[in-house]
Amino acid sequence: MSALPQLTRQQFWILVTLTLVWGINWPIMKLGVTGYPPLAFRSLSMILGLPMLALVMRVLKVGFHVPRPYWGELVRLATLNMFIWHVLVILALPMLSSGRAAILGYTMPIFSALWGILWFQTPLRPRAWLGVVAAGMGVMLLLWYEWTAFAGQPLAVLMVLVAAAFWALGTQQLRRTQMPVATLTIAFWMTAMTLVLMLVLTTLFERERWHWPPEHTQISILYNAVGVFAFAQAAWLTLARGLPPVASTLSVMFIPVLGVFSGAVYLDEVLHWQDWAAVVLMV
């Protein structure tokens, strides 16, 4: 029986940087949407981030063209990987602590393994099952002290779990896409379509609440534009497309751990022994 695929040196460093950027971003996002419309926050982040991603593509000489026969598949991938995730998570975040929202969001690898079995008939080797079980136990430990709080926010919890489930399905489908274009091209157009959706939603539901963002929101918007949409989103899609779904999804399970601990540092969220035990399980 062969071992799980190994990360190349380049993939490893992309993963390390991605983990830092996305993990720290949870408390940063929480600060950003505090007192500011969440859909408008996400829209402004994408407005700034999309040109930066386009500039990266120009420097790397990556084309923007997607053949017409693949437009439908591109919309489907964007729906599963970005539309549902970005809308539901940003709306739920004001109702949850940043660290615990990260934990719920990164139940995605568990959903990915289940989708692989149920939808794509992908058998898991014992080592992969061990990783899924360890990740699940880590999530449960990190949520140990949150059940009472979650009981008061069932809709927010459900929103993030639904977002994670669809993101997991999107990861499985992205890995199997036959689109003859670069991953950065897919990332650019999925982000562009998501931006259009966000602009429509914030105009319909938040227009009366629009105002100039305060300084902490401006910093958060800039961080998301550069770190998330110009780098992390594209980096994740590159990993997800280049590795088997179980390998790529389990590899990001340290992100919610970083989210919990950075939330403790920046937002004074309390840590318990369960959080430290979860670190071991995630690793």
Protein backbone atom coordinates (compact mmCIF):
# COMPACT_ATOMS: atom_id res chain seq x y z
CA MET A 1 0.00 0.00 0.00
CA SER A 2 1.50 3.34 -1.08
CA ALA A 3 1.89 6.27 1.25
CA LEU A 4 -0.08 9.49 0.99
CA PRO A 5 1.36 11.95 -1.56
CA GLN A 6 4.18 14.10 -0.19
CA LEU A 7 4.35 17.88 -0.53
CA THR A 8 7.11 19.25 -2.73
CA ARG A 9 9.38 21.91 -1.25
CA GLN A 10 7.48 24.62 -3.14
CA GLN A 11 4.10 23.28 -2.01
CA PHE A 12 5.36 23.08 1.56
CA TRP A 13 6.38 26.76 1.70
CA ILE A 14 3.16 27.81 -0.03
CA LEU A 15 1.29 25.88 2.64
CA VAL A 16 3.26 27.45 5.50
CA THR A 17 2.64 30.97 4.19
CA LEU A 18 -1.00 30.19 3.44
CA THR A 19 -1.51 28.87 6.96
CA LEU A 20 -0.04 32.02 8.52
CA VAL A 21 -2.00 34.39 6.28
CA TRP A 22 -5.37 32.63 6.64
CA GLY A 23 -4.95 31.72 10.30
CA ILE A 24 -4.17 35.26 11.44
CA ASN A 25 -6.92 36.61 9.20
CA TRP A 26 -9.78 35.31 11.37
CA PRO A 27 -9.34 37.84 14.21
CA ILE A 28 -8.45 40.49 11.62
CA MET A 29 -11.74 39.84 9.81
CA LYS A 30 -13.61 39.89 13.12
CA LEU A 31 -12.21 43.35 13.85
CA GLY A 32 -12.98 44.45 10.31
CA VAL A 33 -16.68 43.63 10.46
CA THR A 34 -17.13 45.01 13.97
CA GLY A 35 -19.39 48.00 13.43
CA TYR A 36 -19.18 47.70 9.64
CA PRO A 37 -21.50 45.96 7.12
CA PRO A 38 -19.94 42.53 6.46
CA LEU A 39 -20.88 42.23 2.77
CA ALA A 40 -19.52 45.73 2.11
CA PHE A 41 -16.33 44.74 3.94
CA ARG A 42 -15.89 41.70 1.72
CA SER A 43 -16.71 43.70 -1.41
CA LEU A 44 -14.10 46.36 -0.67
CA SER A 45 -11.49 43.67 0.04
CA MET A 46 -12.16 42.08 -3.35
CA ILE A 47 -12.21 45.43 -5.18
CA LEU A 48 -8.66 46.07 -3.98
CA GLY A 49 -7.44 42.48 -4.20
CA LEU A 50 -8.60 41.60 -7.71
CA PRO A 51 -6.32 44.11 -9.54
CA MET A 52 -3.40 42.87 -7.44
CA LEU A 53 -4.12 39.30 -8.52
CA ALA A 54 -4.34 40.50 -12.14
CA LEU A 55 -0.94 42.18 -11.76
CA VAL A 56 0.57 38.93 -10.43
CA MET A 57 -0.84 37.13 -13.48
CA ARG A 58 0.68 39.73 -15.81
CA VAL A 59 4.09 39.41 -14.16
CA LEU A 60 3.94 35.61 -14.39
CA LYS A 61 2.60 35.84 -17.96
CA VAL A 62 -0.56 33.87 -17.12
CA GLY A 63 -3.42 34.39 -19.56
CA PHE A 64 -6.96 35.48 -18.70
CA HIS A 65 -8.79 33.61 -21.46
CA VAL A 66 -11.21 30.79 -20.59
CA PRO A 67 -12.63 28.90 -23.61
CA ARG A 68 -16.40 29.35 -23.96
CA PRO A 69 -17.25 25.62 -23.49
CA TYR A 70 -15.88 25.84 -19.93
CA TRP A 71 -17.81 28.92 -18.75
CA GLY A 72 -20.56 26.82 -17.21
CA GLU A 73 -18.05 24.72 -15.28
CA LEU A 74 -16.29 27.89 -14.11
CA VAL A 75 -19.56 29.24 -12.68
CA ARG A 76 -20.23 25.92 -10.95
CA LEU A 77 -16.76 25.88 -9.40
CA ALA A 78 -17.15 29.49 -8.28
CA THR A 79 -20.52 28.69 -6.69
CA LEU A 80 -19.14 25.79 -4.65
CA ASN A 81 -15.71 27.19 -3.81
CA MET A 82 -16.44 30.89 -3.33
CA PHE A 83 -20.04 32.16 -3.64
CA ILE A 84 -21.51 30.13 -0.78
CA TRP A 85 -18.38 30.22 1.39
CA HIS A 86 -17.74 33.96 1.27
CA VAL A 87 -21.37 35.01 1.70
CA LEU A 88 -22.27 32.68 4.56
CA VAL A 89 -19.01 33.00 6.53
CA ILE A 90 -18.82 36.79 6.42
CA LEU A 91 -22.46 37.05 7.52
CA ALA A 92 -21.95 34.56 10.37
CA LEU A 93 -18.66 36.01 11.64
CA PRO A 94 -20.17 38.97 13.57
CA MET A 95 -22.23 36.45 15.59
CA LEU A 96 -19.32 34.12 16.51
CA SER A 97 -15.88 34.45 18.09
CA SER A 98 -13.17 34.58 15.45
CA GLY A 99 -11.32 31.46 16.61
CA ARG A 100 -14.41 29.29 16.85
CA ALA A 101 -15.67 30.50 13.47
CA ALA A 102 -12.33 29.34 12.07
CA ILE A 103 -12.80 25.93 13.69
CA LEU A 104 -16.27 25.50 12.21
CA GLY A 105 -15.03 26.63 8.79
CA TYR A 106 -12.20 24.13 8.84
CA THR A 107 -14.45 21.19 9.36
CA MET A 108 -14.11 21.32 5.58
CA PRO A 109 -11.48 18.52 5.41
CA ILE A 110 -13.85 16.18 7.23
CA PHE A 111 -16.63 17.02 4.78
CA SER A 112 -14.16 16.58 1.91
CA ALA A 113 -13.32 13.05 3.01
CA LEU A 114 -17.03 12.22 3.29
CA TRP A 115 -17.81 13.70 -0.14
CA GLY A 116 -14.96 11.64 -1.59
CA ILE A 117 -16.47 8.45 -0.23
CA LEU A 118 -20.14 9.17 -0.91
CA TRP A 119 -19.99 11.09 -4.19
CA PHE A 120 -16.75 10.08 -5.89
CA GLN A 121 -16.30 6.55 -4.49
CA THR A 122 -12.79 7.43 -3.33
CA PRO A 123 -11.56 4.91 -0.75
CA LEU A 124 -9.47 6.21 2.12
CA ARG A 125 -6.32 4.45 3.27
CA PRO A 126 -5.96 3.80 7.01
CA ARG A 127 -3.48 6.67 7.35
CA ALA A 128 -5.96 9.08 5.74
CA TRP A 129 -8.74 7.85 8.06
CA LEU A 130 -6.40 8.46 11.00
CA GLY A 131 -5.88 12.03 9.82
CA VAL A 132 -9.62 12.64 9.42
CA VAL A 133 -10.37 11.22 12.87
CA ALA A 134 -7.57 13.23 14.50
CA ALA A 135 -8.79 16.42 12.80
CA GLY A 136 -12.35 15.71 13.94
CA MET A 137 -11.23 15.13 17.53
CA GLY A 138 -9.25 18.35 17.42
CA VAL A 139 -12.30 20.28 16.25
CA MET A 140 -14.40 18.78 19.06
CA LEU A 141 -11.80 19.75 21.66
CA LEU A 142 -11.54 23.28 20.34
CA LEU A 143 -15.33 23.60 20.57
CA TRP A 144 -15.43 22.18 24.13
CA TYR A 145 -16.25 25.46 25.85
CA GLU A 146 -18.40 26.87 23.07
CA TRP A 147 -21.54 24.71 23.12
CA THR A 148 -23.41 27.05 25.46
CA ALA A 149 -22.53 30.07 23.37
CA PHE A 150 -23.33 28.26 20.14
CA ALA A 151 -26.76 27.33 21.50
CA GLY A 152 -27.61 31.02 21.30
CA GLN A 153 -26.35 31.33 17.71
CA PRO A 154 -27.59 28.18 15.94
CA LEU A 155 -28.13 29.96 12.63
CA ALA A 156 -24.57 31.29 12.52
CA VAL A 157 -23.17 27.83 13.32
CA LEU A 158 -25.32 26.24 10.61
CA MET A 159 -24.26 28.87 8.08
CA VAL A 160 -20.54 28.17 8.59
CA LEU A 161 -21.01 24.40 8.53
CA VAL A 162 -23.02 24.62 5.29
CA ALA A 163 -20.31 26.85 3.81
CA ALA A 164 -17.63 24.33 4.83
CA ALA A 165 -19.57 21.44 3.30
CA PHE A 166 -19.97 23.21 -0.06
CA TRP A 167 -16.33 24.34 -0.04
CA ALA A 168 -15.31 20.71 0.49
CA LEU A 169 -17.42 19.61 -2.47
CA GLY A 170 -15.92 22.40 -4.57
CA THR A 171 -12.41 21.25 -3.65
CA GLN A 172 -13.23 17.74 -4.80
CA GLN A 173 -14.59 19.05 -8.12
CA LEU A 174 -11.71 21.48 -8.65
CA ARG A 175 -9.25 18.61 -8.33
CA ARG A 176 -11.09 16.78 -11.12
CA THR A 177 -11.62 19.69 -13.51
CA GLN A 178 -10.34 19.30 -17.06
CA MET A 179 -10.34 23.02 -17.80
CA PRO A 180 -7.27 23.71 -20.01
CA VAL A 181 -6.35 26.93 -18.18
CA ALA A 182 -3.98 27.90 -15.38
CA THR A 183 -5.19 27.76 -11.79
CA LEU A 184 -4.52 31.50 -11.41
CA THR A 185 -6.89 32.12 -14.31
CA ILE A 186 -9.60 30.11 -12.57
CA ALA A 187 -8.92 31.98 -9.32
CA PHE A 188 -9.15 35.37 -11.03
CA TRP A 189 -12.51 34.76 -12.70
CA MET A 190 -14.03 33.05 -9.67
CA THR A 191 -13.02 36.05 -7.55
CA ALA A 192 -14.39 38.47 -10.16
CA MET A 193 -17.75 36.68 -10.23
CA THR A 194 -17.86 36.58 -6.44
CA LEU A 195 -17.19 40.32 -6.34
CA VAL A 196 -20.19 40.95 -8.60
CA LEU A 197 -22.36 38.84 -6.29
CA MET A 198 -21.09 40.67 -3.20
CA LEU A 199 -21.73 44.08 -4.76
CA VAL A 200 -25.30 43.10 -5.62
CA LEU A 201 -25.99 41.75 -2.13
CA THR A 202 -24.47 44.68 -0.25
CA THR A 203 -26.40 47.12 -2.45
CA LEU A 204 -29.67 45.30 -1.82
CA PHE A 205 -29.30 44.69 1.92
CA GLU A 206 -26.71 47.09 3.34
CA ARG A 207 -26.95 50.31 1.36
CA GLU A 208 -28.45 52.30 4.24
CA ARG A 209 -25.56 51.21 6.49
CA TRP A 210 -22.75 52.20 4.13
CA HIS A 211 -20.23 54.62 5.60
CA TRP A 212 -16.53 55.35 5.37
CA PRO A 213 -14.75 52.45 7.11
CA PRO A 214 -12.98 53.26 10.39
CA GLU A 215 -9.23 52.80 10.66
CA HIS A 216 -9.33 49.22 12.03
CA THR A 217 -11.66 48.20 9.20
CA GLN A 218 -9.41 49.86 6.61
CA ILE A 219 -6.42 47.87 7.89
CA SER A 220 -8.46 44.66 7.79
CA ILE A 221 -9.67 45.39 4.25
CA LEU A 222 -6.10 46.00 3.07
CA TYR A 223 -4.86 42.81 4.74
CA ASN A 224 -7.62 40.79 3.07
CA ALA A 225 -7.00 42.40 -0.31
CA VAL A 226 -3.26 41.64 -0.30
CA GLY A 227 -3.03 38.53 1.85
CA VAL A 228 -6.25 36.70 1.06
CA PHE A 229 -7.35 37.66 -2.46
CA ALA A 230 -4.01 38.46 -4.07
CA PHE A 231 -2.25 35.45 -2.52
CA ALA A 232 -4.01 32.97 -0.23
CA GLN A 233 -7.09 32.23 -2.33
CA ALA A 234 -5.00 31.57 -5.44
CA ALA A 235 -2.41 29.61 -3.43
CA TRP A 236 -5.08 27.39 -1.94
CA LEU A 237 -6.65 26.67 -5.33
CA THR A 238 -3.20 25.78 -6.68
CA LEU A 239 -2.66 23.30 -3.83
CA ALA A 240 -6.18 21.91 -4.10
CA ARG A 241 -5.83 21.35 -7.83
CA GLY A 242 -2.34 19.88 -7.61
CA LEU A 243 -2.85 17.44 -4.73
CA PRO A 244 -5.41 14.73 -4.02
CA PRO A 245 -8.35 16.19 -2.04
CA VAL A 246 -7.55 14.43 1.24
CA ALA A 247 -3.90 15.49 1.14
CA SER A 248 -4.69 19.12 0.30
CA THR A 249 -7.54 19.53 2.78
CA LEU A 250 -5.88 17.84 5.74
CA SER A 251 -2.78 19.94 5.11
CA VAL A 252 -4.62 23.14 6.08
CA MET A 253 -6.00 21.86 9.39
CA PHE A 254 -3.49 23.92 11.38
CA ILE A 255 -5.21 27.11 10.19
CA PRO A 256 -8.07 26.98 12.76
CA VAL A 257 -5.51 26.33 15.51
CA LEU A 258 -3.67 29.49 14.49
CA GLY A 259 -7.03 31.25 14.31
CA VAL A 260 -7.84 30.27 17.89
CA PHE A 261 -4.46 31.33 19.29
CA SER A 262 -4.26 34.58 17.33
CA GLY A 263 -7.79 35.35 18.55
CA ALA A 264 -6.56 34.82 22.08
CA VAL A 265 -3.67 37.23 21.53
CA TYR A 266 -5.49 40.00 19.67
CA LEU A 267 -9.07 39.64 20.97
CA ASP A 268 -8.43 38.26 24.49
CA GLU A 269 -10.33 35.02 23.80
CA VAL A 270 -9.72 32.54 26.63
CA LEU A 271 -7.65 29.38 26.02
CA HIS A 272 -8.11 26.04 27.86
CA TRP A 273 -6.21 22.76 28.03
CA GLN A 274 -8.45 21.42 25.28
CA ASP A 275 -7.02 24.01 22.89
CA TRP A 276 -3.47 22.81 23.55
CA ALA A 277 -4.49 19.16 23.16
CA ALA A 278 -6.15 20.03 19.86
CA VAL A 279 -2.83 21.41 18.57
CA VAL A 280 -1.27 17.96 18.95
CA LEU A 281 -4.16 16.30 17.14
CA MET A 282 -4.10 18.82 14.27
CA VAL A 283 -0.39 18.33 13.74
